[in-house]
Amino acid sequence: MLKKHYLVDEKGKKSGVLLDIKDYHKILHELEELESIRAYDAAKSSEDEIISFEQAVNEIERDRK
């Protein structure tokens, strides 16, 4: 369960959330995993050429130079 505290404006309307730093990092980690899953699903459904992981890493490193 996430520990959260709400920030409210002068009218008492919720305007923000304070999270425990551990919860914040957990959320970021989960979002990164979700992004990877979505990228995988998009790549899998694409009709683009399939290359190995090693080849992809080599191409990325080559392009960085």
PDB file of N, CA and C in Angstrom:
ATOM      1  N   MET A   1       0.845  -1.186   0.000  1.00  0.00           N
ATOM      2  CA  MET A   1       0.000   0.000   0.000  1.00  0.00           C
ATOM      3  C   MET A   1       0.884   1.242   0.000  1.00  0.00           C
ATOM      4  N   LEU A   2       0.593   2.168  -0.873  1.00  0.00           N
ATOM      5  CA  LEU A   2       1.361   3.407  -0.952  1.00  0.00           C
ATOM      6  C   LEU A   2       0.954   4.351   0.171  1.00  0.00           C
ATOM      7  N   LYS A   3       1.978   4.909   0.798  1.00  0.00           N
ATOM      8  CA  LYS A   3       1.714   5.951   1.790  1.00  0.00           C
ATOM      9  C   LYS A   3       1.680   7.272   1.032  1.00  0.00           C
ATOM     10  N   LYS A   4       0.596   8.004   1.177  1.00  0.00           N
ATOM     11  CA  LYS A   4       0.484   9.268   0.450  1.00  0.00           C
ATOM     12  C   LYS A   4      -0.195  10.318   1.313  1.00  0.00           C
ATOM     13  N   HIS A   5       0.207  11.529   1.075  1.00  0.00           N
ATOM     14  CA  HIS A   5      -0.393  12.679   1.743  1.00  0.00           C
ATOM     15  C   HIS A   5      -0.773  13.668   0.650  1.00  0.00           C
ATOM     16  N   TYR A   6      -1.936  14.242   0.776  1.00  0.00           N
ATOM     17  CA  TYR A   6      -2.412  15.164  -0.241  1.00  0.00           C
ATOM     18  C   TYR A   6      -2.084  16.598   0.114  1.00  0.00           C
ATOM     19  N   LEU A   7      -1.748  17.354  -0.906  1.00  0.00           N
ATOM     20  CA  LEU A   7      -1.630  18.800  -0.779  1.00  0.00           C
ATOM     21  C   LEU A   7      -2.972  19.373  -1.192  1.00  0.00           C
ATOM     22  N   VAL A   8      -3.439  20.357  -0.479  1.00  0.00           N
ATOM     23  CA  VAL A   8      -4.723  20.968  -0.808  1.00  0.00           C
ATOM     24  C   VAL A   8      -4.540  22.463  -0.998  1.00  0.00           C
ATOM     25  N   ASP A   9      -5.390  23.026  -1.838  1.00  0.00           N
ATOM     26  CA  ASP A   9      -5.351  24.476  -2.038  1.00  0.00           C
ATOM     27  C   ASP A   9      -6.167  25.161  -0.948  1.00  0.00           C
ATOM     28  N   GLU A  10      -6.306  26.458  -1.082  1.00  0.00           N
ATOM     29  CA  GLU A  10      -7.003  27.235  -0.050  1.00  0.00           C
ATOM     30  C   GLU A  10      -8.483  26.879   0.077  1.00  0.00           C
ATOM     31  N   LYS A  11      -9.026  26.219  -0.950  1.00  0.00           N
ATOM     32  CA  LYS A  11     -10.430  25.800  -0.904  1.00  0.00           C
ATOM     33  C   LYS A  11     -10.588  24.356  -0.429  1.00  0.00           C
ATOM     34  N   GLY A  12      -9.473  23.717  -0.090  1.00  0.00           N
ATOM     35  CA  GLY A  12      -9.523  22.336   0.364  1.00  0.00           C
ATOM     36  C   GLY A  12      -9.520  21.312  -0.756  1.00  0.00           C
ATOM     37  N   LYS A  13      -9.361  21.771  -2.001  1.00  0.00           N
ATOM     38  CA  LYS A  13      -9.332  20.859  -3.147  1.00  0.00           C
ATOM     39  C   LYS A  13      -7.940  20.237  -3.262  1.00  0.00           C
ATOM     40  N   LYS A  14      -7.900  18.910  -3.459  1.00  0.00           N
ATOM     41  CA  LYS A  14      -6.622  18.228  -3.604  1.00  0.00           C
ATOM     42  C   LYS A  14      -5.896  18.751  -4.842  1.00  0.00           C
ATOM     43  N   SER A  15      -4.621  19.107  -4.649  1.00  0.00           N
ATOM     44  CA  SER A  15      -3.861  19.672  -5.761  1.00  0.00           C
ATOM     45  C   SER A  15      -2.522  18.970  -5.985  1.00  0.00           C
ATOM     46  N   GLY A  16      -2.171  18.050  -5.114  1.00  0.00           N
ATOM     47  CA  GLY A  16      -0.916  17.338  -5.271  1.00  0.00           C
ATOM     48  C   GLY A  16      -0.835  16.186  -4.290  1.00  0.00           C
ATOM     49  N   VAL A  17       0.240  15.403  -4.446  1.00  0.00           N
ATOM     50  CA  VAL A  17       0.432  14.239  -3.590  1.00  0.00           C
ATOM     51  C   VAL A  17       1.890  14.184  -3.151  1.00  0.00           C
ATOM     52  N   LEU A  18       2.098  13.882  -1.883  1.00  0.00           N
ATOM     53  CA  LEU A  18       3.438  13.612  -1.371  1.00  0.00           C
ATOM     54  C   LEU A  18       3.545  12.112  -1.169  1.00  0.00           C
ATOM     55  N   LEU A  19       4.631  11.529  -1.692  1.00  0.00           N
ATOM     56  CA  LEU A  19       4.846  10.094  -1.561  1.00  0.00           C
ATOM     57  C   LEU A  19       6.127   9.833  -0.784  1.00  0.00           C
ATOM     58  N   ASP A  20       6.153   8.716  -0.084  1.00  0.00           N
ATOM     59  CA  ASP A  20       7.374   8.239   0.530  1.00  0.00           C
ATOM     60  C   ASP A  20       8.379   7.979  -0.596  1.00  0.00           C
ATOM     61  N   ILE A  21       9.652   8.273  -0.384  1.00  0.00           N
ATOM     62  CA  ILE A  21      10.652   8.141  -1.446  1.00  0.00           C
ATOM     63  C   ILE A  21      10.744   6.697  -1.951  1.00  0.00           C
ATOM     64  N   LYS A  22      10.568   5.715  -1.075  1.00  0.00           N
ATOM     65  CA  LYS A  22      10.595   4.316  -1.507  1.00  0.00           C
ATOM     66  C   LYS A  22       9.425   4.028  -2.455  1.00  0.00           C
ATOM     67  N   ASP A  23       8.263   4.562  -2.137  1.00  0.00           N
ATOM     68  CA  ASP A  23       7.101   4.377  -3.012  1.00  0.00           C
ATOM     69  C   ASP A  23       7.328   5.056  -4.358  1.00  0.00           C
ATOM     70  N   TYR A  24       7.929   6.243  -4.328  1.00  0.00           N
ATOM     71  CA  TYR A  24       8.228   6.979  -5.557  1.00  0.00           C
ATOM     72  C   TYR A  24       9.150   6.153  -6.457  1.00  0.00           C
ATOM     73  N   HIS A  25      10.208   5.597  -5.882  1.00  0.00           N
ATOM     74  CA  HIS A  25      11.146   4.798  -6.669  1.00  0.00           C
ATOM     75  C   HIS A  25      10.482   3.521  -7.182  1.00  0.00           C
ATOM     76  N   LYS A  26       9.601   2.936  -6.393  1.00  0.00           N
ATOM     77  CA  LYS A  26       8.876   1.745  -6.829  1.00  0.00           C
ATOM     78  C   LYS A  26       7.991   2.076  -8.037  1.00  0.00           C
ATOM     79  N   ILE A  27       7.314   3.211  -7.981  1.00  0.00           N
ATOM     80  CA  ILE A  27       6.472   3.642  -9.102  1.00  0.00           C
ATOM     81  C   ILE A  27       7.316   3.859 -10.356  1.00  0.00           C
ATOM     82  N   LEU A  28       8.466   4.519 -10.201  1.00  0.00           N
ATOM     83  CA  LEU A  28       9.342   4.743 -11.355  1.00  0.00           C
ATOM     84  C   LEU A  28       9.796   3.413 -11.955  1.00  0.00           C
ATOM     85  N   HIS A  29      10.165   2.472 -11.104  1.00  0.00           N
ATOM     86  CA  HIS A  29      10.599   1.154 -11.575  1.00  0.00           C
ATOM     87  C   HIS A  29       9.475   0.461 -12.345  1.00  0.00           C
ATOM     88  N   GLU A  30       8.276   0.510 -11.799  1.00  0.00           N
ATOM     89  CA  GLU A  30       7.125  -0.117 -12.464  1.00  0.00           C
ATOM     90  C   GLU A  30       6.840   0.540 -13.809  1.00  0.00           C
ATOM     91  N   LEU A  31       6.969   1.858 -13.879  1.00  0.00           N
ATOM     92  CA  LEU A  31       6.749   2.560 -15.142  1.00  0.00           C
ATOM     93  C   LEU A  31       7.794   2.170 -16.186  1.00  0.00           C
ATOM     94  N   GLU A  32       9.044   2.008 -15.744  1.00  0.00           N
ATOM     95  CA  GLU A  32      10.092   1.580 -16.665  1.00  0.00           C
ATOM     96  C   GLU A  32       9.801   0.182 -17.204  1.00  0.00           C
ATOM     97  N   GLU A  33       9.348  -0.708 -16.333  1.00  0.00           N
ATOM     98  CA  GLU A  33       8.998  -2.057 -16.777  1.00  0.00           C
ATOM     99  C   GLU A  33       7.830  -2.020 -17.763  1.00  0.00           C
ATOM    100  N   LEU A  34       6.829  -1.205 -17.464  1.00  0.00           N
ATOM    101  CA  LEU A  34       5.688  -1.083 -18.360  1.00  0.00           C
ATOM    102  C   LEU A  34       6.121  -0.540 -19.725  1.00  0.00           C
ATOM    103  N   GLU A  35       7.028   0.430 -19.716  1.00  0.00           N
ATOM    104  CA  GLU A  35       7.540   0.985 -20.971  1.00  0.00           C
ATOM    105  C   GLU A  35       8.245  -0.095 -21.783  1.00  0.00           C
ATOM    106  N   SER A  36       9.024  -0.934 -21.114  1.00  0.00           N
ATOM    107  CA  SER A  36       9.716  -2.024 -21.801  1.00  0.00           C
ATOM    108  C   SER A  36       8.719  -3.016 -22.390  1.00  0.00           C
ATOM    109  N   ILE A  37       7.683  -3.343 -21.639  1.00  0.00           N
ATOM    110  CA  ILE A  37       6.657  -4.267 -22.126  1.00  0.00           C
ATOM    111  C   ILE A  37       5.952  -3.688 -23.342  1.00  0.00           C
ATOM    112  N   ARG A  38       5.615  -2.420 -23.277  1.00  0.00           N
ATOM    113  CA  ARG A  38       4.947  -1.781 -24.419  1.00  0.00           C
ATOM    114  C   ARG A  38       5.853  -1.750 -25.645  1.00  0.00           C
ATOM    115  N   ALA A  39       7.144  -1.465 -25.437  1.00  0.00           N
ATOM    116  CA  ALA A  39       8.087  -1.441 -26.553  1.00  0.00           C
ATOM    117  C   ALA A  39       8.216  -2.835 -27.158  1.00  0.00           C
ATOM    118  N   TYR A  40       8.265  -3.844 -26.305  1.00  0.00           N
ATOM    119  CA  TYR A  40       8.333  -5.230 -26.783  1.00  0.00           C
ATOM    120  C   TYR A  40       7.093  -5.586 -27.592  1.00  0.00           C
ATOM    121  N   ASP A  41       5.922  -5.251 -27.058  1.00  0.00           N
ATOM    122  CA  ASP A  41       4.676  -5.545 -27.766  1.00  0.00           C
ATOM    123  C   ASP A  41       4.616  -4.834 -29.117  1.00  0.00           C
ATOM    124  N   ALA A  42       5.065  -3.573 -29.141  1.00  0.00           N
ATOM    125  CA  ALA A  42       5.062  -2.818 -30.395  1.00  0.00           C
ATOM    126  C   ALA A  42       6.024  -3.444 -31.396  1.00  0.00           C
ATOM    127  N   ALA A  43       7.198  -3.845 -30.919  1.00  0.00           N
ATOM    128  CA  ALA A  43       8.182  -4.454 -31.808  1.00  0.00           C
ATOM    129  C   ALA A  43       7.685  -5.801 -32.323  1.00  0.00           C
ATOM    130  N   LYS A  44       7.040  -6.553 -31.452  1.00  0.00           N
ATOM    131  CA  LYS A  44       6.550  -7.874 -31.836  1.00  0.00           C
ATOM    132  C   LYS A  44       5.449  -7.779 -32.894  1.00  0.00           C
ATOM    133  N   SER A  45       4.617  -6.758 -32.793  1.00  0.00           N
ATOM    134  CA  SER A  45       3.518  -6.614 -33.747  1.00  0.00           C
ATOM    135  C   SER A  45       3.951  -5.884 -35.025  1.00  0.00           C
ATOM    136  N   SER A  46       5.141  -5.337 -35.004  1.00  0.00           N
ATOM    137  CA  SER A  46       5.665  -4.627 -36.171  1.00  0.00           C
ATOM    138  C   SER A  46       6.137  -5.621 -37.223  1.00  0.00           C
ATOM    139  N   GLU A  47       6.139  -5.190 -38.449  1.00  0.00           N
ATOM    140  CA  GLU A  47       6.632  -6.041 -39.526  1.00  0.00           C
ATOM    141  C   GLU A  47       8.071  -5.693 -39.885  1.00  0.00           C
ATOM    142  N   ASP A  48       8.750  -4.974 -38.985  1.00  0.00           N
ATOM    143  CA  ASP A  48      10.143  -4.607 -39.213  1.00  0.00           C
ATOM    144  C   ASP A  48      11.039  -5.839 -39.121  1.00  0.00           C
ATOM    145  N   GLU A  49      12.234  -5.690 -39.651  1.00  0.00           N
ATOM    146  CA  GLU A  49      13.217  -6.767 -39.610  1.00  0.00           C
ATOM    147  C   GLU A  49      13.576  -7.089 -38.159  1.00  0.00           C
ATOM    148  N   ILE A  50      13.693  -8.355 -37.844  1.00  0.00           N
ATOM    149  CA  ILE A  50      14.062  -8.791 -36.502  1.00  0.00           C
ATOM    150  C   ILE A  50      15.575  -8.951 -36.448  1.00  0.00           C
ATOM    151  N   ILE A  51      16.187  -8.332 -35.409  1.00  0.00           N
ATOM    152  CA  ILE A  51      17.622  -8.467 -35.209  1.00  0.00           C
ATOM    153  C   ILE A  51      17.867  -8.964 -33.794  1.00  0.00           C
ATOM    154  N   SER A  52      19.050  -9.522 -33.572  1.00  0.00           N
ATOM    155  CA  SER A  52      19.384 -10.037 -32.243  1.00  0.00           C
ATOM    156  C   SER A  52      19.642  -8.880 -31.279  1.00  0.00           C
ATOM    157  N   PHE A  53      19.554  -9.196 -29.999  1.00  0.00           N
ATOM    158  CA  PHE A  53      19.820  -8.201 -28.970  1.00  0.00           C
ATOM    159  C   PHE A  53      21.246  -7.661 -29.109  1.00  0.00           C
ATOM    160  N   GLU A  54      22.202  -8.563 -29.331  1.00  0.00           N
ATOM    161  CA  GLU A  54      23.600  -8.157 -29.459  1.00  0.00           C
ATOM    162  C   GLU A  54      23.794  -7.205 -30.633  1.00  0.00           C
ATOM    163  N   GLN A  55      23.133  -7.489 -31.737  1.00  0.00           N
ATOM    164  CA  GLN A  55      23.238  -6.608 -32.905  1.00  0.00           C
ATOM    165  C   GLN A  55      22.632  -5.246 -32.595  1.00  0.00           C
ATOM    166  N   ALA A  56      21.517  -5.237 -31.888  1.00  0.00           N
ATOM    167  CA  ALA A  56      20.875  -3.971 -31.523  1.00  0.00           C
ATOM    168  C   ALA A  56      21.797  -3.137 -30.642  1.00  0.00           C
ATOM    169  N   VAL A  57      22.417  -3.771 -29.656  1.00  0.00           N
ATOM    170  CA  VAL A  57      23.342  -3.060 -28.767  1.00  0.00           C
ATOM    171  C   VAL A  57      24.514  -2.514 -29.565  1.00  0.00           C
ATOM    172  N   ASN A  58      25.069  -3.311 -30.457  1.00  0.00           N
ATOM    173  CA  ASN A  58      26.192  -2.860 -31.288  1.00  0.00           C
ATOM    174  C   ASN A  58      25.801  -1.655 -32.133  1.00  0.00           C
ATOM    175  N   GLU A  59      24.604  -1.684 -32.706  1.00  0.00           N
ATOM    176  CA  GLU A  59      24.151  -0.559 -33.531  1.00  0.00           C
ATOM    177  C   GLU A  59      23.950   0.697 -32.684  1.00  0.00           C
ATOM    178  N   ILE A  60      23.403   0.543 -31.509  1.00  0.00           N
ATOM    179  CA  ILE A  60      23.201   1.687 -30.620  1.00  0.00           C
ATOM    180  C   ILE A  60      24.545   2.288 -30.230  1.00  0.00           C
ATOM    181  N   GLU A  61      25.497   1.437 -29.858  1.00  0.00           N
ATOM    182  CA  GLU A  61      26.816   1.930 -29.480  1.00  0.00           C
ATOM    183  C   GLU A  61      27.520   2.596 -30.651  1.00  0.00           C
ATOM    184  N   ARG A  62      27.364   2.036 -31.838  1.00  0.00           N
ATOM    185  CA  ARG A  62      27.966   2.619 -33.042  1.00  0.00           C
ATOM    186  C   ARG A  62      27.374   4.010 -33.307  1.00  0.00           C
ATOM    187  N   ASP A  63      26.069   4.148 -33.151  1.00  0.00           N
ATOM    188  CA  ASP A  63      25.403   5.417 -33.417  1.00  0.00           C
ATOM    189  C   ASP A  63      25.748   6.496 -32.391  1.00  0.00           C
ATOM    190  N   ARG A  64      26.162   6.088 -31.196  1.00  0.00           N
ATOM    191  CA  ARG A  64      26.528   7.048 -30.146  1.00  0.00           C
ATOM    192  C   ARG A  64      27.843   7.729 -30.438  1.00  0.00           C
ATOM    193  N   LYS A  65      28.683   7.087 -31.258  1.00  0.00           N
ATOM    194  CA  LYS A  65      30.029   7.629 -31.539  1.00  0.00           C
ATOM    195  C   LYS A  65      29.983   8.694 -32.585  1.00  0.00           C
TER     196      LYS A  65
END
